[in-house]
N, C-alpha and C. Protein backbone atom coordinates (compact mmCIF):
# COMPACT_ATOMS: atom_id res chain seq x y z
N ALA A 1 12.82 -6.14 16.51
CA ALA A 1 11.46 -6.67 16.60
C ALA A 1 10.83 -6.20 17.91
N ARG A 2 9.52 -6.00 17.84
CA ARG A 2 8.77 -5.57 19.03
C ARG A 2 7.42 -6.25 19.00
N HIS A 3 7.03 -6.85 20.09
CA HIS A 3 5.75 -7.53 20.18
C HIS A 3 4.67 -6.53 20.55
N ALA A 4 3.52 -6.60 19.83
CA ALA A 4 2.38 -5.75 20.17
C ALA A 4 1.11 -6.42 19.68
N ASP A 5 0.03 -6.18 20.37
CA ASP A 5 -1.28 -6.64 19.94
C ASP A 5 -1.92 -5.49 19.17
N VAL A 6 -1.98 -5.59 17.85
CA VAL A 6 -2.47 -4.48 17.04
C VAL A 6 -3.95 -4.20 17.24
N SER A 7 -4.65 -5.11 17.89
CA SER A 7 -6.07 -4.87 18.13
C SER A 7 -6.30 -3.90 19.29
N VAL A 8 -5.23 -3.56 20.00
CA VAL A 8 -5.32 -2.64 21.14
C VAL A 8 -4.70 -1.30 20.73
N ARG A 9 -5.54 -0.27 20.68
CA ARG A 9 -5.10 1.04 20.18
C ARG A 9 -3.86 1.55 20.89
N GLN A 10 -3.82 1.47 22.21
CA GLN A 10 -2.68 2.01 22.95
C GLN A 10 -1.39 1.28 22.60
N GLN A 11 -1.47 -0.03 22.35
CA GLN A 11 -0.27 -0.76 21.97
C GLN A 11 0.23 -0.32 20.59
N CYS A 12 -0.67 0.06 19.70
CA CYS A 12 -0.26 0.60 18.40
C CYS A 12 0.43 1.94 18.58
N ILE A 13 -0.14 2.79 19.40
CA ILE A 13 0.45 4.10 19.68
C ILE A 13 1.83 3.93 20.29
N ASP A 14 1.94 3.02 21.25
CA ASP A 14 3.22 2.78 21.93
C ASP A 14 4.26 2.21 20.97
N ALA A 15 3.86 1.33 20.07
CA ALA A 15 4.80 0.74 19.11
C ALA A 15 5.36 1.81 18.18
N VAL A 16 4.50 2.70 17.72
CA VAL A 16 4.97 3.78 16.85
C VAL A 16 5.91 4.71 17.62
N ALA A 17 5.53 5.08 18.83
CA ALA A 17 6.37 5.96 19.64
C ALA A 17 7.73 5.33 19.91
N ASP A 18 7.73 4.03 20.20
CA ASP A 18 8.99 3.32 20.44
C ASP A 18 9.87 3.32 19.20
N CYS A 19 9.28 3.11 18.05
CA CYS A 19 10.04 3.12 16.79
C CYS A 19 10.69 4.48 16.57
N VAL A 20 9.92 5.54 16.76
CA VAL A 20 10.45 6.89 16.55
C VAL A 20 11.55 7.19 17.57
N THR A 21 11.37 6.75 18.81
CA THR A 21 12.40 6.95 19.84
C THR A 21 13.68 6.21 19.48
N ARG A 22 13.54 4.97 19.05
CA ARG A 22 14.72 4.15 18.74
C ARG A 22 15.46 4.59 17.48
N TYR A 23 14.70 4.96 16.44
CA TYR A 23 15.32 5.19 15.13
C TYR A 23 15.26 6.64 14.65
N GLY A 24 14.61 7.50 15.41
CA GLY A 24 14.58 8.90 15.07
C GLY A 24 13.48 9.32 14.11
N GLU A 25 12.91 8.37 13.40
CA GLU A 25 11.81 8.67 12.49
C GLU A 25 11.07 7.39 12.13
N LEU A 26 9.93 7.58 11.51
CA LEU A 26 9.17 6.46 10.96
C LEU A 26 8.77 6.88 9.55
N ALA A 27 9.43 6.29 8.57
CA ALA A 27 9.20 6.67 7.18
C ALA A 27 8.25 5.72 6.46
N VAL A 28 8.21 4.46 6.88
CA VAL A 28 7.38 3.46 6.20
C VAL A 28 6.61 2.65 7.23
N LEU A 29 5.31 2.55 7.02
CA LEU A 29 4.46 1.67 7.82
C LEU A 29 3.90 0.61 6.90
N VAL A 30 4.10 -0.65 7.24
CA VAL A 30 3.50 -1.76 6.49
C VAL A 30 2.56 -2.49 7.45
N ASN A 31 1.29 -2.45 7.14
CA ASN A 31 0.29 -3.15 7.94
C ASN A 31 0.06 -4.54 7.35
N CYS A 32 0.58 -5.56 8.02
CA CYS A 32 0.47 -6.91 7.47
C CYS A 32 -0.06 -7.95 8.45
N ALA A 33 -0.40 -7.55 9.66
CA ALA A 33 -0.95 -8.51 10.62
C ALA A 33 -2.37 -8.90 10.21
N ALA A 34 -2.69 -10.17 10.34
CA ALA A 34 -4.05 -10.63 9.99
C ALA A 34 -4.33 -11.97 10.62
N VAL A 35 -5.62 -12.21 10.83
CA VAL A 35 -6.10 -13.52 11.25
C VAL A 35 -7.26 -13.90 10.34
N MET A 36 -7.45 -15.20 10.18
CA MET A 36 -8.51 -15.69 9.30
C MET A 36 -9.09 -16.97 9.86
N ARG A 37 -10.37 -17.15 9.65
CA ARG A 37 -11.06 -18.41 9.96
C ARG A 37 -11.80 -18.81 8.71
N MET A 38 -12.01 -20.07 8.55
CA MET A 38 -12.80 -20.57 7.43
C MET A 38 -13.97 -21.35 8.02
N GLU A 39 -15.17 -20.81 7.79
CA GLU A 39 -16.37 -21.45 8.33
C GLU A 39 -17.59 -20.93 7.60
N HIS A 40 -18.68 -21.59 7.80
CA HIS A 40 -19.94 -21.13 7.20
C HIS A 40 -20.29 -19.78 7.81
N PHE A 41 -20.83 -18.92 6.99
CA PHE A 41 -21.16 -17.55 7.40
C PHE A 41 -22.01 -17.53 8.67
N THR A 42 -23.02 -18.36 8.74
CA THR A 42 -23.92 -18.34 9.89
C THR A 42 -23.31 -18.99 11.13
N ASP A 43 -22.16 -19.63 11.00
CA ASP A 43 -21.49 -20.24 12.15
C ASP A 43 -20.49 -19.30 12.82
N THR A 44 -20.26 -18.14 12.23
CA THR A 44 -19.28 -17.21 12.79
C THR A 44 -19.82 -16.62 14.09
N SER A 45 -19.07 -16.79 15.15
CA SER A 45 -19.49 -16.26 16.45
C SER A 45 -19.19 -14.77 16.53
N GLU A 46 -19.83 -14.12 17.47
CA GLU A 46 -19.57 -12.71 17.71
C GLU A 46 -18.11 -12.51 18.12
N GLU A 47 -17.60 -13.42 18.93
CA GLU A 47 -16.20 -13.33 19.37
C GLU A 47 -15.24 -13.42 18.18
N ALA A 48 -15.48 -14.37 17.27
CA ALA A 48 -14.61 -14.52 16.10
C ALA A 48 -14.70 -13.29 15.21
N TRP A 49 -15.93 -12.81 14.97
CA TRP A 49 -16.11 -11.61 14.15
C TRP A 49 -15.33 -10.43 14.74
N ASN A 50 -15.48 -10.21 16.03
CA ASN A 50 -14.83 -9.08 16.68
C ASN A 50 -13.31 -9.21 16.65
N ARG A 51 -12.79 -10.42 16.82
CA ARG A 51 -11.32 -10.60 16.80
C ARG A 51 -10.75 -10.35 15.40
N ILE A 52 -11.40 -10.88 14.38
CA ILE A 52 -10.92 -10.68 13.01
C ILE A 52 -10.99 -9.20 12.64
N LEU A 53 -12.08 -8.55 12.99
CA LEU A 53 -12.24 -7.12 12.73
C LEU A 53 -11.17 -6.32 13.47
N ALA A 54 -10.90 -6.67 14.72
CA ALA A 54 -9.94 -5.93 15.54
C ALA A 54 -8.52 -6.04 14.99
N VAL A 55 -8.11 -7.23 14.59
CA VAL A 55 -6.73 -7.42 14.10
C VAL A 55 -6.59 -6.91 12.67
N ASN A 56 -7.52 -7.28 11.79
CA ASN A 56 -7.37 -7.02 10.36
C ASN A 56 -7.72 -5.60 9.94
N LEU A 57 -8.58 -4.92 10.70
CA LEU A 57 -9.01 -3.59 10.29
C LEU A 57 -8.72 -2.53 11.36
N SER A 58 -9.09 -2.79 12.59
CA SER A 58 -8.82 -1.80 13.64
C SER A 58 -7.32 -1.61 13.83
N GLY A 59 -6.55 -2.68 13.78
CA GLY A 59 -5.10 -2.57 13.93
C GLY A 59 -4.47 -1.64 12.90
N PRO A 60 -4.71 -1.87 11.61
CA PRO A 60 -4.17 -0.94 10.61
C PRO A 60 -4.68 0.49 10.80
N PHE A 61 -5.95 0.63 11.17
CA PHE A 61 -6.51 1.96 11.41
C PHE A 61 -5.75 2.67 12.53
N PHE A 62 -5.57 1.98 13.67
CA PHE A 62 -4.88 2.58 14.82
C PHE A 62 -3.42 2.89 14.48
N LEU A 63 -2.76 1.97 13.77
CA LEU A 63 -1.35 2.20 13.42
C LEU A 63 -1.22 3.37 12.45
N CYS A 64 -2.13 3.47 11.49
CA CYS A 64 -2.10 4.62 10.57
C CYS A 64 -2.30 5.92 11.33
N GLN A 65 -3.26 5.94 12.25
CA GLN A 65 -3.49 7.15 13.05
C GLN A 65 -2.22 7.57 13.78
N ALA A 66 -1.57 6.62 14.42
CA ALA A 66 -0.37 6.93 15.19
C ALA A 66 0.82 7.29 14.30
N ALA A 67 0.93 6.63 13.16
CA ALA A 67 2.10 6.79 12.31
C ALA A 67 2.04 7.99 11.37
N LEU A 68 0.84 8.40 10.97
CA LEU A 68 0.72 9.44 9.94
C LEU A 68 1.54 10.70 10.19
N PRO A 69 1.51 11.30 11.36
CA PRO A 69 2.33 12.51 11.54
C PRO A 69 3.81 12.27 11.28
N HIS A 70 4.30 11.11 11.69
CA HIS A 70 5.72 10.78 11.50
C HIS A 70 6.02 10.46 10.03
N VAL A 71 5.12 9.74 9.38
CA VAL A 71 5.30 9.41 7.97
C VAL A 71 5.28 10.69 7.13
N ILE A 72 4.42 11.63 7.47
CA ILE A 72 4.37 12.90 6.75
C ILE A 72 5.68 13.66 6.93
N THR A 73 6.17 13.74 8.17
CA THR A 73 7.43 14.43 8.43
C THR A 73 8.58 13.79 7.66
N ALA A 74 8.58 12.47 7.57
CA ALA A 74 9.65 11.75 6.87
C ALA A 74 9.43 11.69 5.36
N ARG A 75 8.28 12.21 4.89
CA ARG A 75 7.94 12.15 3.46
C ARG A 75 7.94 10.69 2.98
N GLY A 76 7.34 9.84 3.80
CA GLY A 76 7.37 8.39 3.57
C GLY A 76 6.09 7.86 2.99
N ASN A 77 5.75 6.63 3.40
CA ASN A 77 4.57 5.99 2.82
C ASN A 77 4.03 4.88 3.71
N ILE A 78 2.80 4.51 3.40
CA ILE A 78 2.12 3.41 4.08
C ILE A 78 1.76 2.37 3.03
N VAL A 79 2.02 1.11 3.35
CA VAL A 79 1.61 0.00 2.49
C VAL A 79 0.75 -0.92 3.34
N ASN A 80 -0.50 -1.06 2.94
CA ASN A 80 -1.41 -1.97 3.62
C ASN A 80 -1.46 -3.29 2.86
N VAL A 81 -1.35 -4.38 3.59
CA VAL A 81 -1.44 -5.70 2.97
C VAL A 81 -2.88 -6.17 3.12
N ALA A 82 -3.62 -6.11 2.02
CA ALA A 82 -5.01 -6.54 2.00
C ALA A 82 -5.04 -7.99 1.53
N SER A 83 -5.86 -8.31 0.55
CA SER A 83 -5.96 -9.68 0.05
C SER A 83 -6.81 -9.69 -1.21
N SER A 84 -6.56 -10.68 -2.05
CA SER A 84 -7.45 -10.86 -3.20
C SER A 84 -8.86 -11.16 -2.72
N ASN A 85 -9.00 -11.67 -1.49
CA ASN A 85 -10.33 -11.91 -0.91
C ASN A 85 -11.11 -10.60 -0.77
N GLY A 86 -10.43 -9.48 -0.68
CA GLY A 86 -11.08 -8.19 -0.60
C GLY A 86 -11.50 -7.65 -1.95
N LEU A 87 -11.06 -8.31 -3.01
CA LEU A 87 -11.38 -7.87 -4.37
C LEU A 87 -12.48 -8.68 -5.02
N MET A 88 -12.84 -9.81 -4.40
CA MET A 88 -13.81 -10.71 -5.01
C MET A 88 -14.56 -11.48 -3.93
N GLY A 89 -15.69 -12.04 -4.28
CA GLY A 89 -16.43 -12.85 -3.33
C GLY A 89 -15.72 -14.17 -3.06
N THR A 90 -15.65 -14.55 -1.80
CA THR A 90 -14.98 -15.79 -1.42
C THR A 90 -15.81 -16.51 -0.36
N ALA A 91 -16.20 -17.70 -0.67
CA ALA A 91 -17.03 -18.48 0.26
C ALA A 91 -16.23 -18.87 1.50
N TYR A 92 -16.93 -18.91 2.63
CA TYR A 92 -16.43 -19.42 3.91
C TYR A 92 -15.40 -18.52 4.60
N THR A 93 -15.16 -17.33 4.07
CA THR A 93 -14.21 -16.41 4.71
C THR A 93 -14.84 -15.03 4.89
N GLY A 94 -16.12 -14.98 5.20
CA GLY A 94 -16.86 -13.73 5.28
C GLY A 94 -16.20 -12.63 6.10
N PRO A 95 -15.88 -12.86 7.37
CA PRO A 95 -15.28 -11.79 8.17
C PRO A 95 -13.91 -11.35 7.63
N TYR A 96 -13.07 -12.30 7.26
CA TYR A 96 -11.75 -11.97 6.72
C TYR A 96 -11.89 -11.16 5.45
N SER A 97 -12.73 -11.62 4.53
CA SER A 97 -12.90 -10.91 3.25
C SER A 97 -13.47 -9.52 3.46
N ALA A 98 -14.40 -9.39 4.39
CA ALA A 98 -14.99 -8.07 4.68
C ALA A 98 -13.93 -7.10 5.20
N THR A 99 -13.05 -7.58 6.07
CA THR A 99 -12.02 -6.69 6.61
C THR A 99 -11.01 -6.31 5.54
N LYS A 100 -10.70 -7.22 4.64
CA LYS A 100 -9.74 -6.91 3.59
C LYS A 100 -10.32 -5.95 2.56
N ALA A 101 -11.61 -6.08 2.27
CA ALA A 101 -12.27 -5.10 1.38
C ALA A 101 -12.28 -3.73 2.04
N ALA A 102 -12.54 -3.70 3.34
CA ALA A 102 -12.53 -2.43 4.06
C ALA A 102 -11.13 -1.82 4.10
N LEU A 103 -10.10 -2.64 4.22
CA LEU A 103 -8.73 -2.14 4.23
C LEU A 103 -8.37 -1.54 2.87
N ILE A 104 -8.88 -2.13 1.80
CA ILE A 104 -8.67 -1.56 0.47
C ILE A 104 -9.29 -0.17 0.40
N ASN A 105 -10.51 -0.03 0.89
CA ASN A 105 -11.16 1.27 0.85
C ASN A 105 -10.49 2.25 1.80
N LEU A 106 -10.03 1.79 2.95
CA LEU A 106 -9.29 2.66 3.86
C LEU A 106 -8.05 3.20 3.18
N THR A 107 -7.37 2.38 2.42
CA THR A 107 -6.18 2.80 1.67
C THR A 107 -6.53 3.93 0.71
N LYS A 108 -7.60 3.75 -0.05
CA LYS A 108 -8.01 4.78 -1.00
C LYS A 108 -8.45 6.06 -0.28
N THR A 109 -9.14 5.89 0.83
CA THR A 109 -9.60 7.04 1.61
C THR A 109 -8.42 7.86 2.13
N LEU A 110 -7.42 7.19 2.67
CA LEU A 110 -6.23 7.89 3.15
C LEU A 110 -5.49 8.57 2.00
N ALA A 111 -5.42 7.90 0.86
CA ALA A 111 -4.75 8.48 -0.30
C ALA A 111 -5.42 9.77 -0.73
N VAL A 112 -6.74 9.81 -0.69
CA VAL A 112 -7.47 11.02 -1.08
C VAL A 112 -7.35 12.10 0.00
N GLU A 113 -7.54 11.71 1.26
CA GLU A 113 -7.49 12.70 2.34
C GLU A 113 -6.12 13.34 2.48
N TYR A 114 -5.06 12.59 2.20
CA TYR A 114 -3.70 13.09 2.37
C TYR A 114 -3.00 13.34 1.03
N VAL A 115 -3.76 13.59 -0.01
CA VAL A 115 -3.19 13.79 -1.35
C VAL A 115 -2.27 15.01 -1.40
N GLU A 116 -2.51 16.01 -0.55
CA GLU A 116 -1.68 17.22 -0.56
C GLU A 116 -0.43 17.08 0.30
N GLU A 117 -0.31 16.00 1.02
CA GLU A 117 0.86 15.77 1.87
C GLU A 117 1.93 15.02 1.08
N PRO A 118 3.18 15.11 1.51
CA PRO A 118 4.27 14.45 0.77
C PRO A 118 4.42 12.97 1.11
N ILE A 119 3.30 12.24 1.09
CA ILE A 119 3.32 10.82 1.41
C ILE A 119 2.60 10.04 0.32
N ARG A 120 2.76 8.73 0.38
CA ARG A 120 2.01 7.82 -0.51
C ARG A 120 1.37 6.75 0.34
N VAL A 121 0.17 6.33 -0.08
CA VAL A 121 -0.56 5.25 0.62
C VAL A 121 -1.04 4.28 -0.45
N ASN A 122 -0.64 3.03 -0.34
CA ASN A 122 -0.99 2.00 -1.32
C ASN A 122 -1.33 0.70 -0.60
N ALA A 123 -1.87 -0.24 -1.36
CA ALA A 123 -2.16 -1.57 -0.81
C ALA A 123 -1.71 -2.65 -1.77
N VAL A 124 -1.36 -3.78 -1.21
CA VAL A 124 -1.02 -4.99 -1.96
C VAL A 124 -2.05 -6.05 -1.60
N CYS A 125 -2.50 -6.79 -2.61
CA CYS A 125 -3.50 -7.83 -2.39
C CYS A 125 -2.94 -9.19 -2.79
N PRO A 126 -2.32 -9.90 -1.84
CA PRO A 126 -1.85 -11.25 -2.14
C PRO A 126 -3.03 -12.20 -2.33
N GLY A 127 -2.77 -13.27 -3.03
CA GLY A 127 -3.73 -14.36 -3.14
C GLY A 127 -3.36 -15.45 -2.17
N PRO A 128 -3.84 -16.66 -2.40
CA PRO A 128 -3.49 -17.77 -1.51
C PRO A 128 -1.98 -18.00 -1.48
N MET A 129 -1.43 -18.09 -0.27
CA MET A 129 0.01 -18.28 -0.11
C MET A 129 0.28 -19.34 0.95
N ALA A 130 1.43 -19.93 0.86
CA ALA A 130 1.86 -20.93 1.83
C ALA A 130 2.46 -20.20 3.03
N THR A 131 1.60 -19.66 3.89
CA THR A 131 2.05 -18.95 5.08
C THR A 131 1.33 -19.52 6.30
N GLU A 132 1.67 -18.99 7.47
CA GLU A 132 1.07 -19.46 8.72
C GLU A 132 -0.45 -19.26 8.71
N ILE A 133 -0.91 -18.18 8.10
CA ILE A 133 -2.34 -17.91 8.11
C ILE A 133 -3.09 -19.00 7.35
N ALA A 134 -2.54 -19.45 6.25
CA ALA A 134 -3.19 -20.50 5.45
C ALA A 134 -3.06 -21.87 6.12
N SER A 135 -1.90 -22.16 6.66
CA SER A 135 -1.70 -23.48 7.27
C SER A 135 -2.49 -23.65 8.56
N GLY A 136 -2.87 -22.53 9.21
CA GLY A 136 -3.60 -22.61 10.46
C GLY A 136 -5.10 -22.68 10.29
N VAL A 137 -5.58 -22.60 9.07
CA VAL A 137 -7.02 -22.58 8.82
C VAL A 137 -7.53 -24.00 8.60
N GLN A 138 -8.56 -24.36 9.34
CA GLN A 138 -9.18 -25.67 9.19
C GLN A 138 -10.60 -25.48 8.66
N PRO A 139 -10.84 -25.79 7.39
CA PRO A 139 -12.19 -25.62 6.86
C PRO A 139 -13.14 -26.66 7.45
N PRO A 140 -14.41 -26.29 7.60
CA PRO A 140 -15.38 -27.26 8.11
C PRO A 140 -15.57 -28.39 7.12
N ALA A 141 -15.92 -29.54 7.63
CA ALA A 141 -16.09 -30.73 6.79
C ALA A 141 -17.24 -30.59 5.80
N THR A 142 -18.16 -29.68 6.07
CA THR A 142 -19.37 -29.56 5.25
C THR A 142 -19.25 -28.54 4.11
N ILE A 143 -18.05 -28.03 3.86
CA ILE A 143 -17.90 -27.05 2.78
C ILE A 143 -17.97 -27.73 1.42
N LYS A 144 -18.24 -26.93 0.41
CA LYS A 144 -18.19 -27.39 -0.98
C LYS A 144 -16.87 -26.93 -1.56
N HIS A 145 -15.98 -27.88 -1.81
CA HIS A 145 -14.62 -27.56 -2.25
C HIS A 145 -14.59 -26.82 -3.59
N GLU A 146 -15.58 -27.04 -4.44
CA GLU A 146 -15.59 -26.33 -5.72
C GLU A 146 -15.73 -24.81 -5.53
N LYS A 147 -16.35 -24.40 -4.43
CA LYS A 147 -16.45 -22.96 -4.15
C LYS A 147 -15.10 -22.38 -3.76
N ILE A 148 -14.30 -23.15 -3.06
CA ILE A 148 -12.96 -22.70 -2.67
C ILE A 148 -12.04 -22.68 -3.88
N LEU A 149 -12.17 -23.65 -4.74
CA LEU A 149 -11.31 -23.72 -5.93
C LEU A 149 -11.47 -22.49 -6.82
N ARG A 150 -12.65 -21.85 -6.78
CA ARG A 150 -12.89 -20.66 -7.60
C ARG A 150 -11.98 -19.51 -7.21
N TYR A 151 -11.54 -19.44 -5.97
CA TYR A 151 -10.66 -18.35 -5.56
C TYR A 151 -9.31 -18.84 -5.03
N SER A 152 -8.99 -20.09 -5.31
CA SER A 152 -7.71 -20.64 -4.87
C SER A 152 -6.59 -20.41 -5.87
N GLY A 153 -6.92 -20.00 -7.06
CA GLY A 153 -5.89 -19.70 -8.05
C GLY A 153 -5.52 -20.90 -8.89
N GLN A 154 -5.24 -20.64 -10.12
CA GLN A 154 -4.88 -21.69 -11.06
C GLN A 154 -3.39 -22.03 -11.02
N ARG A 155 -2.59 -21.17 -10.40
CA ARG A 155 -1.14 -21.36 -10.39
C ARG A 155 -0.61 -21.86 -9.06
N GLY A 156 -1.49 -22.30 -8.20
CA GLY A 156 -1.06 -22.81 -6.90
C GLY A 156 -0.85 -21.70 -5.90
N LEU A 157 -0.15 -22.02 -4.82
CA LEU A 157 0.09 -21.06 -3.76
C LEU A 157 1.22 -20.11 -4.12
N GLY A 158 1.03 -18.84 -3.78
CA GLY A 158 2.05 -17.85 -4.03
C GLY A 158 3.17 -17.93 -3.02
N ASP A 159 4.26 -17.28 -3.33
CA ASP A 159 5.43 -17.23 -2.46
C ASP A 159 5.44 -15.89 -1.73
N ALA A 160 5.55 -15.94 -0.42
CA ALA A 160 5.54 -14.71 0.38
C ALA A 160 6.66 -13.76 -0.05
N ALA A 161 7.78 -14.29 -0.50
CA ALA A 161 8.89 -13.44 -0.95
C ALA A 161 8.49 -12.60 -2.16
N ASP A 162 7.64 -13.13 -3.02
CA ASP A 162 7.19 -12.37 -4.18
C ASP A 162 6.32 -11.20 -3.75
N VAL A 163 5.47 -11.41 -2.77
CA VAL A 163 4.63 -10.33 -2.25
C VAL A 163 5.50 -9.32 -1.51
N ALA A 164 6.46 -9.79 -0.75
CA ALA A 164 7.37 -8.89 -0.04
C ALA A 164 8.12 -7.99 -1.02
N ALA A 165 8.45 -8.51 -2.18
CA ALA A 165 9.14 -7.70 -3.19
C ALA A 165 8.24 -6.57 -3.70
N VAL A 166 6.95 -6.84 -3.83
CA VAL A 166 6.01 -5.79 -4.25
C VAL A 166 5.88 -4.75 -3.14
N VAL A 167 5.79 -5.20 -1.89
CA VAL A 167 5.72 -4.27 -0.76
C VAL A 167 6.99 -3.41 -0.73
N ALA A 168 8.15 -4.02 -0.89
CA ALA A 168 9.42 -3.28 -0.88
C ALA A 168 9.47 -2.26 -2.01
N PHE A 169 8.98 -2.63 -3.18
CA PHE A 169 8.94 -1.69 -4.30
C PHE A 169 8.05 -0.49 -3.96
N LEU A 170 6.83 -0.78 -3.48
CA LEU A 170 5.89 0.31 -3.16
C LEU A 170 6.43 1.22 -2.06
N ALA A 171 7.22 0.66 -1.16
CA ALA A 171 7.79 1.45 -0.07
C ALA A 171 9.03 2.22 -0.50
N SER A 172 9.54 1.94 -1.69
CA SER A 172 10.78 2.55 -2.15
C SER A 172 10.54 3.81 -2.97
N ASP A 173 11.59 4.57 -3.18
CA ASP A 173 11.52 5.77 -4.02
C ASP A 173 11.23 5.43 -5.47
N ALA A 174 11.48 4.19 -5.88
CA ALA A 174 11.21 3.78 -7.26
C ALA A 174 9.71 3.86 -7.57
N ALA A 175 8.88 3.82 -6.53
CA ALA A 175 7.42 3.88 -6.71
C ALA A 175 6.88 5.28 -6.41
N ALA A 176 7.70 6.30 -6.64
CA ALA A 176 7.32 7.67 -6.29
C ALA A 176 6.03 8.11 -6.96
N GLY A 177 5.69 7.54 -8.09
CA GLY A 177 4.47 7.93 -8.81
C GLY A 177 3.26 7.09 -8.46
N VAL A 178 3.38 6.21 -7.48
CA VAL A 178 2.28 5.31 -7.14
C VAL A 178 1.64 5.78 -5.83
N HIS A 179 0.38 6.19 -5.91
CA HIS A 179 -0.34 6.68 -4.72
C HIS A 179 -1.81 6.32 -4.87
N GLY A 180 -2.37 5.68 -3.85
CA GLY A 180 -3.77 5.30 -3.88
C GLY A 180 -4.04 4.07 -4.73
N ALA A 181 -2.99 3.30 -4.99
CA ALA A 181 -3.11 2.13 -5.87
C ALA A 181 -3.34 0.86 -5.07
N ILE A 182 -4.03 -0.06 -5.69
CA ILE A 182 -4.28 -1.38 -5.12
C ILE A 182 -3.64 -2.39 -6.05
N TRP A 183 -2.54 -2.98 -5.63
CA TRP A 183 -1.77 -3.89 -6.47
C TRP A 183 -2.11 -5.34 -6.13
N ALA A 184 -2.62 -6.07 -7.09
CA ALA A 184 -2.84 -7.51 -6.91
C ALA A 184 -1.52 -8.23 -7.11
N ALA A 185 -1.17 -9.06 -6.17
CA ALA A 185 0.03 -9.89 -6.26
C ALA A 185 -0.41 -11.30 -5.97
N ASP A 186 -1.35 -11.79 -6.79
CA ASP A 186 -2.09 -13.02 -6.48
C ASP A 186 -2.01 -14.09 -7.56
N LEU A 187 -0.99 -14.01 -8.40
CA LEU A 187 -0.81 -14.98 -9.49
C LEU A 187 -2.03 -15.04 -10.41
N GLY A 188 -2.72 -13.92 -10.54
CA GLY A 188 -3.87 -13.86 -11.45
C GLY A 188 -5.20 -14.30 -10.87
N THR A 189 -5.24 -14.62 -9.59
CA THR A 189 -6.47 -15.13 -8.98
C THR A 189 -7.63 -14.16 -9.15
N SER A 190 -7.43 -12.89 -8.88
CA SER A 190 -8.53 -11.94 -8.94
C SER A 190 -8.85 -11.49 -10.36
N ALA A 191 -8.07 -11.93 -11.33
CA ALA A 191 -8.32 -11.56 -12.72
C ALA A 191 -9.55 -12.26 -13.29
N GLY A 192 -9.91 -13.39 -12.70
CA GLY A 192 -11.13 -14.03 -13.16
C GLY A 192 -11.05 -15.49 -13.35
C-alpha cells in the first residue's frame, strides 16, 4: 500500500514511478478513488466543486497519463470505476455525477485514442453500495426523498465484493475482447 493524494499530479506520477520501481512493471491501473457530497445544486461551494473534480476526474486523468507508457509496455489495461450516477440524472449529487459521466467519456476517449496499442481501457459503473463513500454522505434536511429513491435501486445496496469481481474480470486475460466498454454493476439501477 502507498498513500497518495490523487488530486495532486506529481503525487500520481510519483506513485506510478514507485510501483514500477518496486515491481518492475505496471500492467493494471484501477482508478477507484472518489469523494461525494449530497446537497442542493445551488448550495455547492466552489471549494467543494473543485475538490470533487480534482479527486474524481483529475486524479484518474493524471494517473492514466503517468501509467499509460508502462501499461502499454506490459500489454495491460486500465479499469476506471465510474458510477451509475454518470449514466443517469441523479438529484443532489451534481458535482459527483458530472465527474463520473466525464470519467465514462474519458474511458471511451482513451479506448479510441489507444485502439492500436496492445492495451484495453474499460469502466465499471457501480450503483449505491454500502461503502465509506455512502456512509459518509449526509443529505440536507430539505431534500425530497422520492427523488433519491429513483436512483437508489430496487434491490438495495450493492456489495463492494461484487463490483470488485467485475473489476478483476476486466483486468484479467479472460476479458481480452473487452475494450472501450462501460459495464454497469448496479443491480439494475441504471436499467430504468
